[in-house]
Amino acid sequence: MTKDYEQLWKGVTHITDEAQAVRALADILADNEGRRFVSRLGGKDAELCIEILDDVSRDLHFPPSPP
């Protein structure tokens, strides 16, 4: 079954919960077709994608401080 990357991306852009947005983006990036789709994003969509990936990357490098 072929994924509808445009529809999946539209979901990412309308999700307000950051963790859900990351999971939805990961679903797109899970295969070559999805990565190609993301590489063709432009304008505000590209900015949003980079922002989501930057947030994930930052969390990987800087774990939360202990309480």
PDB file of N, CA and C in Angstrom:
ATOM      1  N   MET A   1       0.834  -1.173   0.000  1.00  0.00           N
ATOM      2  CA  MET A   1       0.000   0.000   0.000  1.00  0.00           C
ATOM      3  C   MET A   1       0.889   1.250   0.000  1.00  0.00           C
ATOM      4  N   THR A   2       0.603   2.174  -0.892  1.00  0.00           N
ATOM      5  CA  THR A   2       1.363   3.403  -1.016  1.00  0.00           C
ATOM      6  C   THR A   2       0.847   4.439  -0.028  1.00  0.00           C
ATOM      7  N   LYS A   3       1.780   5.093   0.618  1.00  0.00           N
ATOM      8  CA  LYS A   3       1.412   6.146   1.572  1.00  0.00           C
ATOM      9  C   LYS A   3       1.093   7.434   0.813  1.00  0.00           C
ATOM     10  N   ASP A   4       0.153   8.185   1.313  1.00  0.00           N
ATOM     11  CA  ASP A   4      -0.170   9.494   0.778  1.00  0.00           C
ATOM     12  C   ASP A   4       0.619  10.516   1.595  1.00  0.00           C
ATOM     13  N   TYR A   5       1.824  10.819   1.128  1.00  0.00           N
ATOM     14  CA  TYR A   5       2.717  11.689   1.891  1.00  0.00           C
ATOM     15  C   TYR A   5       2.166  13.099   2.039  1.00  0.00           C
ATOM     16  N   GLU A   6       1.471  13.573   1.039  1.00  0.00           N
ATOM     17  CA  GLU A   6       0.874  14.903   1.125  1.00  0.00           C
ATOM     18  C   GLU A   6      -0.141  14.946   2.272  1.00  0.00           C
ATOM     19  N   GLN A   7      -0.949  13.915   2.378  1.00  0.00           N
ATOM     20  CA  GLN A   7      -1.950  13.851   3.452  1.00  0.00           C
ATOM     21  C   GLN A   7      -1.264  13.673   4.814  1.00  0.00           C
ATOM     22  N   LEU A   8      -0.238  12.825   4.861  1.00  0.00           N
ATOM     23  CA  LEU A   8       0.497  12.648   6.111  1.00  0.00           C
ATOM     24  C   LEU A   8       1.137  13.968   6.552  1.00  0.00           C
ATOM     25  N   TRP A   9       1.717  14.706   5.599  1.00  0.00           N
ATOM     26  CA  TRP A   9       2.345  15.976   5.930  1.00  0.00           C
ATOM     27  C   TRP A   9       1.307  16.979   6.419  1.00  0.00           C
ATOM     28  N   LYS A  10       0.146  16.990   5.764  1.00  0.00           N
ATOM     29  CA  LYS A  10      -0.922  17.893   6.192  1.00  0.00           C
ATOM     30  C   LYS A  10      -1.279  17.614   7.647  1.00  0.00           C
ATOM     31  N   GLY A  11      -1.262  16.331   8.022  1.00  0.00           N
ATOM     32  CA  GLY A  11      -1.503  15.976   9.419  1.00  0.00           C
ATOM     33  C   GLY A  11      -0.440  16.545  10.340  1.00  0.00           C
ATOM     34  N   VAL A  12       0.817  16.463   9.923  1.00  0.00           N
ATOM     35  CA  VAL A  12       1.914  17.007  10.730  1.00  0.00           C
ATOM     36  C   VAL A  12       1.706  18.501  10.959  1.00  0.00           C
ATOM     37  N   THR A  13       1.300  19.212   9.926  1.00  0.00           N
ATOM     38  CA  THR A  13       1.169  20.665  10.031  1.00  0.00           C
ATOM     39  C   THR A  13      -0.003  21.099  10.904  1.00  0.00           C
ATOM     40  N   HIS A  14      -0.936  20.190  11.163  1.00  0.00           N
ATOM     41  CA  HIS A  14      -2.107  20.560  11.959  1.00  0.00           C
ATOM     42  C   HIS A  14      -2.076  19.986  13.379  1.00  0.00           C
ATOM     43  N   ILE A  15      -1.069  19.205  13.703  1.00  0.00           N
ATOM     44  CA  ILE A  15      -0.953  18.619  15.038  1.00  0.00           C
ATOM     45  C   ILE A  15      -0.374  19.663  15.991  1.00  0.00           C
ATOM     46  N   THR A  16      -1.004  19.825  17.136  1.00  0.00           N
ATOM     47  CA  THR A  16      -0.498  20.795  18.110  1.00  0.00           C
ATOM     48  C   THR A  16       0.392  20.149  19.163  1.00  0.00           C
ATOM     49  N   ASP A  17       0.297  18.844  19.342  1.00  0.00           N
ATOM     50  CA  ASP A  17       1.131  18.133  20.306  1.00  0.00           C
ATOM     51  C   ASP A  17       2.458  17.781  19.641  1.00  0.00           C
ATOM     52  N   GLU A  18       3.542  18.262  20.213  1.00  0.00           N
ATOM     53  CA  GLU A  18       4.872  18.080  19.616  1.00  0.00           C
ATOM     54  C   GLU A  18       5.242  16.606  19.444  1.00  0.00           C
ATOM     55  N   ALA A  19       4.949  15.780  20.427  1.00  0.00           N
ATOM     56  CA  ALA A  19       5.297  14.357  20.340  1.00  0.00           C
ATOM     57  C   ALA A  19       4.537  13.682  19.197  1.00  0.00           C
ATOM     58  N   GLN A  20       3.287  14.053  18.999  1.00  0.00           N
ATOM     59  CA  GLN A  20       2.510  13.478  17.905  1.00  0.00           C
ATOM     60  C   GLN A  20       3.058  13.936  16.556  1.00  0.00           C
ATOM     61  N   ALA A  21       3.475  15.192  16.472  1.00  0.00           N
ATOM     62  CA  ALA A  21       4.047  15.711  15.233  1.00  0.00           C
ATOM     63  C   ALA A  21       5.331  14.965  14.882  1.00  0.00           C
ATOM     64  N   VAL A  22       6.139  14.684  15.882  1.00  0.00           N
ATOM     65  CA  VAL A  22       7.384  13.943  15.658  1.00  0.00           C
ATOM     66  C   VAL A  22       7.071  12.536  15.152  1.00  0.00           C
ATOM     67  N   ARG A  23       6.099  11.876  15.770  1.00  0.00           N
ATOM     68  CA  ARG A  23       5.728  10.526  15.329  1.00  0.00           C
ATOM     69  C   ARG A  23       5.190  10.537  13.901  1.00  0.00           C
ATOM     70  N   ALA A  24       4.382  11.532  13.569  1.00  0.00           N
ATOM     71  CA  ALA A  24       3.828  11.623  12.218  1.00  0.00           C
ATOM     72  C   ALA A  24       4.937  11.884  11.203  1.00  0.00           C
ATOM     73  N   LEU A  25       5.879  12.756  11.536  1.00  0.00           N
ATOM     74  CA  LEU A  25       7.006  13.015  10.641  1.00  0.00           C
ATOM     75  C   LEU A  25       7.873  11.769  10.502  1.00  0.00           C
ATOM     76  N   ALA A  26       8.081  11.054  11.581  1.00  0.00           N
ATOM     77  CA  ALA A  26       8.866   9.814  11.523  1.00  0.00           C
ATOM     78  C   ALA A  26       8.209   8.799  10.592  1.00  0.00           C
ATOM     79  N   ASP A  27       6.884   8.760  10.571  1.00  0.00           N
ATOM     80  CA  ASP A  27       6.163   7.860   9.673  1.00  0.00           C
ATOM     81  C   ASP A  27       6.458   8.215   8.217  1.00  0.00           C
ATOM     82  N   ILE A  28       6.564   9.507   7.932  1.00  0.00           N
ATOM     83  CA  ILE A  28       6.899   9.936   6.572  1.00  0.00           C
ATOM     84  C   ILE A  28       8.345   9.579   6.242  1.00  0.00           C
ATOM     85  N   LEU A  29       9.245   9.809   7.182  1.00  0.00           N
ATOM     86  CA  LEU A  29      10.677   9.603   6.942  1.00  0.00           C
ATOM     87  C   LEU A  29      11.107   8.146   6.998  1.00  0.00           C
ATOM     88  N   ALA A  30      10.171   7.254   7.262  1.00  0.00           N
ATOM     89  CA  ALA A  30      10.503   5.838   7.454  1.00  0.00           C
ATOM     90  C   ALA A  30      10.952   5.138   6.176  1.00  0.00           C
ATOM     91  N   ASP A  31      10.682   5.719   5.031  1.00  0.00           N
ATOM     92  CA  ASP A  31      11.097   5.051   3.789  1.00  0.00           C
ATOM     93  C   ASP A  31      11.625   6.069   2.777  1.00  0.00           C
ATOM     94  N   ASN A  32      12.235   5.567   1.719  1.00  0.00           N
ATOM     95  CA  ASN A  32      12.875   6.434   0.727  1.00  0.00           C
ATOM     96  C   ASN A  32      11.899   7.409   0.073  1.00  0.00           C
ATOM     97  N   GLU A  33      10.707   6.939  -0.263  1.00  0.00           N
ATOM     98  CA  GLU A  33       9.713   7.813  -0.899  1.00  0.00           C
ATOM     99  C   GLU A  33       9.378   8.990   0.012  1.00  0.00           C
ATOM    100  N   GLY A  34       9.203   8.714   1.283  1.00  0.00           N
ATOM    101  CA  GLY A  34       8.895   9.776   2.241  1.00  0.00           C
ATOM    102  C   GLY A  34      10.036  10.764   2.383  1.00  0.00           C
ATOM    103  N   ARG A  35      11.255  10.245   2.410  1.00  0.00           N
ATOM    104  CA  ARG A  35      12.414  11.141   2.509  1.00  0.00           C
ATOM    105  C   ARG A  35      12.523  12.015   1.265  1.00  0.00           C
ATOM    106  N   ARG A  36      12.205  11.466   0.103  1.00  0.00           N
ATOM    107  CA  ARG A  36      12.202  12.266  -1.124  1.00  0.00           C
ATOM    108  C   ARG A  36      11.122  13.353  -1.050  1.00  0.00           C
ATOM    109  N   PHE A  37       9.948  12.979  -0.520  1.00  0.00           N
ATOM    110  CA  PHE A  37       8.871  13.955  -0.364  1.00  0.00           C
ATOM    111  C   PHE A  37       9.336  15.118   0.517  1.00  0.00           C
ATOM    112  N   VAL A  38       9.933  14.798   1.649  1.00  0.00           N
ATOM    113  CA  VAL A  38      10.387  15.827   2.580  1.00  0.00           C
ATOM    114  C   VAL A  38      11.477  16.690   1.945  1.00  0.00           C
ATOM    115  N   SER A  39      12.343  16.089   1.154  1.00  0.00           N
ATOM    116  CA  SER A  39      13.432  16.863   0.543  1.00  0.00           C
ATOM    117  C   SER A  39      12.904  17.874  -0.466  1.00  0.00           C
ATOM    118  N   ARG A  40      11.674  17.706  -0.934  1.00  0.00           N
ATOM    119  CA  ARG A  40      11.085  18.643  -1.896  1.00  0.00           C
ATOM    120  C   ARG A  40      10.199  19.699  -1.235  1.00  0.00           C
ATOM    121  N   LEU A  41      10.070  19.660   0.086  1.00  0.00           N
ATOM    122  CA  LEU A  41       9.265  20.673   0.771  1.00  0.00           C
ATOM    123  C   LEU A  41       9.914  22.039   0.590  1.00  0.00           C
ATOM    124  N   GLY A  42       9.108  23.055   0.522  1.00  0.00           N
ATOM    125  CA  GLY A  42       9.644  24.405   0.374  1.00  0.00           C
ATOM    126  C   GLY A  42       8.954  25.357   1.328  1.00  0.00           C
ATOM    127  N   GLY A  43       9.510  26.521   1.457  1.00  0.00           N
ATOM    128  CA  GLY A  43       8.900  27.590   2.233  1.00  0.00           C
ATOM    129  C   GLY A  43       8.616  27.229   3.677  1.00  0.00           C
ATOM    130  N   LYS A  44       7.409  27.556   4.114  1.00  0.00           N
ATOM    131  CA  LYS A  44       6.999  27.343   5.505  1.00  0.00           C
ATOM    132  C   LYS A  44       7.012  25.863   5.874  1.00  0.00           C
ATOM    133  N   ASP A  45       6.691  24.974   4.914  1.00  0.00           N
ATOM    134  CA  ASP A  45       6.706  23.539   5.216  1.00  0.00           C
ATOM    135  C   ASP A  45       8.118  23.060   5.539  1.00  0.00           C
ATOM    136  N   ALA A  46       9.089  23.522   4.770  1.00  0.00           N
ATOM    137  CA  ALA A  46      10.478  23.145   5.036  1.00  0.00           C
ATOM    138  C   ALA A  46      10.925  23.683   6.390  1.00  0.00           C
ATOM    139  N   GLU A  47      10.532  24.918   6.705  1.00  0.00           N
ATOM    140  CA  GLU A  47      10.888  25.508   7.994  1.00  0.00           C
ATOM    141  C   GLU A  47      10.306  24.703   9.152  1.00  0.00           C
ATOM    142  N   LEU A  48       9.045  24.300   9.015  1.00  0.00           N
ATOM    143  CA  LEU A  48       8.406  23.511  10.070  1.00  0.00           C
ATOM    144  C   LEU A  48       9.104  22.166  10.234  1.00  0.00           C
ATOM    145  N   CYS A  49       9.426  21.514   9.133  1.00  0.00           N
ATOM    146  CA  CYS A  49      10.106  20.222   9.188  1.00  0.00           C
ATOM    147  C   CYS A  49      11.452  20.362   9.903  1.00  0.00           C
ATOM    148  N   ILE A  50      12.202  21.379   9.559  1.00  0.00           N
ATOM    149  CA  ILE A  50      13.505  21.609  10.189  1.00  0.00           C
ATOM    150  C   ILE A  50      13.331  21.906  11.676  1.00  0.00           C
ATOM    151  N   GLU A  51      12.317  22.673  12.009  1.00  0.00           N
ATOM    152  CA  GLU A  51      12.062  22.996  13.410  1.00  0.00           C
ATOM    153  C   GLU A  51      11.758  21.731  14.224  1.00  0.00           C
ATOM    154  N   ILE A  52      10.922  20.859  13.666  1.00  0.00           N
ATOM    155  CA  ILE A  52      10.597  19.603  14.360  1.00  0.00           C
ATOM    156  C   ILE A  52      11.845  18.752  14.523  1.00  0.00           C
ATOM    157  N   LEU A  53      12.620  18.609  13.456  1.00  0.00           N
ATOM    158  CA  LEU A  53      13.836  17.798  13.529  1.00  0.00           C
ATOM    159  C   LEU A  53      14.857  18.412  14.475  1.00  0.00           C
ATOM    160  N   ASP A  54      14.937  19.730  14.506  1.00  0.00           N
ATOM    161  CA  ASP A  54      15.857  20.415  15.415  1.00  0.00           C
ATOM    162  C   ASP A  54      15.469  20.154  16.869  1.00  0.00           C
ATOM    163  N   ASP A  55      14.175  20.202  17.156  1.00  0.00           N
ATOM    164  CA  ASP A  55      13.711  19.930  18.524  1.00  0.00           C
ATOM    165  C   ASP A  55      14.068  18.511  18.950  1.00  0.00           C
ATOM    166  N   VAL A  56      13.888  17.565  18.046  1.00  0.00           N
ATOM    167  CA  VAL A  56      14.218  16.166  18.358  1.00  0.00           C
ATOM    168  C   VAL A  56      15.717  16.023  18.561  1.00  0.00           C
ATOM    169  N   SER A  57      16.496  16.639  17.688  1.00  0.00           N
ATOM    170  CA  SER A  57      17.949  16.564  17.775  1.00  0.00           C
ATOM    171  C   SER A  57      18.441  17.171  19.085  1.00  0.00           C
ATOM    172  N   ARG A  58      17.880  18.290  19.462  1.00  0.00           N
ATOM    173  CA  ARG A  58      18.278  18.955  20.705  1.00  0.00           C
ATOM    174  C   ARG A  58      17.995  18.050  21.899  1.00  0.00           C
ATOM    175  N   ASP A  59      16.845  17.378  21.885  1.00  0.00           N
ATOM    176  CA  ASP A  59      16.501  16.477  22.982  1.00  0.00           C
ATOM    177  C   ASP A  59      17.456  15.296  23.061  1.00  0.00           C
ATOM    178  N   LEU A  60      17.971  14.868  21.918  1.00  0.00           N
ATOM    179  CA  LEU A  60      18.910  13.746  21.919  1.00  0.00           C
ATOM    180  C   LEU A  60      20.265  14.147  22.503  1.00  0.00           C
ATOM    181  N   HIS A  61      20.653  15.389  22.279  1.00  0.00           N
ATOM    182  CA  HIS A  61      21.967  15.846  22.727  1.00  0.00           C
ATOM    183  C   HIS A  61      21.960  16.447  24.126  1.00  0.00           C
ATOM    184  N   PHE A  62      20.834  16.962  24.527  1.00  0.00           N
ATOM    185  CA  PHE A  62      20.740  17.613  25.820  1.00  0.00           C
ATOM    186  C   PHE A  62      19.570  17.024  26.620  1.00  0.00           C
ATOM    187  N   PRO A  63      19.804  15.889  27.271  1.00  0.00           N
ATOM    188  CA  PRO A  63      18.700  15.290  28.035  1.00  0.00           C
ATOM    189  C   PRO A  63      18.238  16.223  29.143  1.00  0.00           C
ATOM    190  N   PRO A  64      16.981  16.090  29.538  1.00  0.00           N
ATOM    191  CA  PRO A  64      16.454  16.973  30.580  1.00  0.00           C
ATOM    192  C   PRO A  64      17.247  16.842  31.869  1.00  0.00           C
ATOM    193  N   SER A  65      17.332  17.925  32.588  1.00  0.00           N
ATOM    194  CA  SER A  65      18.036  17.920  33.873  1.00  0.00           C
ATOM    195  C   SER A  65      17.236  17.121  34.880  1.00  0.00           C
ATOM    196  N   PRO A  66      17.917  16.427  35.794  1.00  0.00           N
ATOM    197  CA  PRO A  66      17.188  15.691  36.824  1.00  0.00           C
ATOM    198  C   PRO A  66      16.425  16.656  37.727  1.00  0.00           C
ATOM    199  N   PRO A  67      15.282  16.197  38.251  1.00  0.00           N
ATOM    200  CA  PRO A  67      14.467  17.077  39.117  1.00  0.00           C
ATOM    201  C   PRO A  67      15.173  17.443  40.401  1.00  0.00           C
TER     202      PRO A  67
END
